[in-house]
Amino acid sequence: MAPLLGEAPQVLLAERSLPGSLMVDWHGRRFVNEAVGYMSFGQTVLDRERIVATHAARQLSTSA
């Protein structure tokens, strides 16, 4: 996902096929093998987003 200022996030598919590209999370850590098929790649990205959203929700509920 690539959030742009003031716009909804966009899925970038072509960029992962560029030589030397790596997919990293918010912490700059690689979280997926870029060579996997599109379906597996998409599922991994969505799973990662769910994990991040769940963690953020927990952080908010414990800080209130």
C-alpha atoms as a PDB file:
ATOM      1  CA  MET A   1       0.000   0.000   0.000  1.00  0.00           C
ATOM      2  CA  ALA A   2       1.245   3.425  -0.818  1.00  0.00           C
ATOM      3  CA  PRO A   3      -0.623   6.201   0.968  1.00  0.00           C
ATOM      4  CA  LEU A   4      -0.289   9.563  -0.723  1.00  0.00           C
ATOM      5  CA  LEU A   5      -0.899  12.808   1.103  1.00  0.00           C
ATOM      6  CA  GLY A   6      -4.617  13.504   1.076  1.00  0.00           C
ATOM      7  CA  GLU A   7      -5.492  10.419  -0.984  1.00  0.00           C
ATOM      8  CA  ALA A   8      -6.535   6.834  -0.352  1.00  0.00           C
ATOM      9  CA  PRO A   9      -3.785   4.171  -0.253  1.00  0.00           C
ATOM     10  CA  GLN A  10      -2.985   2.492  -3.561  1.00  0.00           C
ATOM     11  CA  VAL A  11      -1.689  -0.983  -4.259  1.00  0.00           C
ATOM     12  CA  LEU A  12       1.524  -0.874  -6.264  1.00  0.00           C
ATOM     13  CA  LEU A  13       1.987  -4.069  -8.256  1.00  0.00           C
ATOM     14  CA  ALA A  14       4.470  -3.236 -11.015  1.00  0.00           C
ATOM     15  CA  GLU A  15       7.022  -1.753  -8.623  1.00  0.00           C
ATOM     16  CA  ARG A  16       7.709  -5.101  -6.963  1.00  0.00           C
ATOM     17  CA  SER A  17       8.967  -6.519 -10.263  1.00  0.00           C
ATOM     18  CA  LEU A  18      11.689  -3.905 -10.643  1.00  0.00           C
ATOM     19  CA  PRO A  19      15.238  -5.174 -10.102  1.00  0.00           C
ATOM     20  CA  GLY A  20      16.450  -4.726  -6.555  1.00  0.00           C
ATOM     21  CA  SER A  21      13.085  -3.755  -5.092  1.00  0.00           C
ATOM     22  CA  LEU A  22      12.232  -4.855  -1.550  1.00  0.00           C
ATOM     23  CA  MET A  23       8.924  -4.678   0.264  1.00  0.00           C
ATOM     24  CA  VAL A  24       9.309  -3.323   3.771  1.00  0.00           C
ATOM     25  CA  ASP A  25       6.909  -2.577   6.611  1.00  0.00           C
ATOM     26  CA  TRP A  26       6.507   0.641   8.608  1.00  0.00           C
ATOM     27  CA  HIS A  27       9.706  -0.186  10.505  1.00  0.00           C
ATOM     28  CA  GLY A  28      11.759  -0.706   7.348  1.00  0.00           C
ATOM     29  CA  ARG A  29      11.808  -4.507   7.792  1.00  0.00           C
ATOM     30  CA  ARG A  30      11.313  -6.804   4.844  1.00  0.00           C
ATOM     31  CA  PHE A  31       8.145  -8.871   5.394  1.00  0.00           C
ATOM     32  CA  VAL A  32       7.501 -10.761   2.163  1.00  0.00           C
ATOM     33  CA  ASN A  33       9.394 -12.577  -0.568  1.00  0.00           C
ATOM     34  CA  GLU A  34       8.833 -10.371  -3.618  1.00  0.00           C
ATOM     35  CA  ALA A  35       9.138 -13.390  -5.950  1.00  0.00           C
ATOM     36  CA  VAL A  36       5.942 -15.110  -4.749  1.00  0.00           C
ATOM     37  CA  GLY A  37       2.853 -15.125  -6.973  1.00  0.00           C
ATOM     38  CA  TYR A  38       0.449 -12.196  -6.983  1.00  0.00           C
ATOM     39  CA  MET A  39      -2.208 -14.037  -4.964  1.00  0.00           C
ATOM     40  CA  SER A  40       0.222 -15.051  -2.192  1.00  0.00           C
ATOM     41  CA  PHE A  41       1.783 -11.607  -2.240  1.00  0.00           C
ATOM     42  CA  GLY A  42      -1.594  -9.889  -1.902  1.00  0.00           C
ATOM     43  CA  GLN A  43      -2.677 -12.199   0.899  1.00  0.00           C
ATOM     44  CA  THR A  44       0.555 -11.526   2.784  1.00  0.00           C
ATOM     45  CA  VAL A  45       0.127  -7.763   2.418  1.00  0.00           C
ATOM     46  CA  LEU A  46      -3.504  -7.931   3.606  1.00  0.00           C
ATOM     47  CA  ASP A  47      -2.559 -10.175   6.548  1.00  0.00           C
ATOM     48  CA  ARG A  48       0.165  -7.716   7.485  1.00  0.00           C
ATOM     49  CA  GLU A  49      -2.292  -4.814   7.348  1.00  0.00           C
ATOM     50  CA  ARG A  50      -4.708  -6.706   9.619  1.00  0.00           C
ATOM     51  CA  ILE A  51      -1.930  -7.347  12.143  1.00  0.00           C
ATOM     52  CA  VAL A  52      -0.937  -3.685  12.155  1.00  0.00           C
ATOM     53  CA  ALA A  53      -4.563  -2.543  12.524  1.00  0.00           C
ATOM     54  CA  THR A  54      -5.172  -4.975  15.398  1.00  0.00           C
ATOM     55  CA  HIS A  55      -2.011  -3.872  17.164  1.00  0.00           C
ATOM     56  CA  ALA A  56      -2.917  -0.195  16.740  1.00  0.00           C
ATOM     57  CA  ALA A  57      -6.415  -0.800  18.125  1.00  0.00           C
ATOM     58  CA  ARG A  58      -4.943  -2.559  21.171  1.00  0.00           C
ATOM     59  CA  GLN A  59      -2.535   0.326  21.737  1.00  0.00           C
ATOM     60  CA  LEU A  60      -5.398   2.830  21.631  1.00  0.00           C
ATOM     61  CA  SER A  61      -7.595   0.834  23.999  1.00  0.00           C
ATOM     62  CA  THR A  62      -4.841   0.422  26.596  1.00  0.00           C
ATOM     63  CA  SER A  63      -3.766   4.066  26.467  1.00  0.00           C
ATOM     64  CA  ALA A  64      -7.257   5.439  27.168  1.00  0.00           C
END
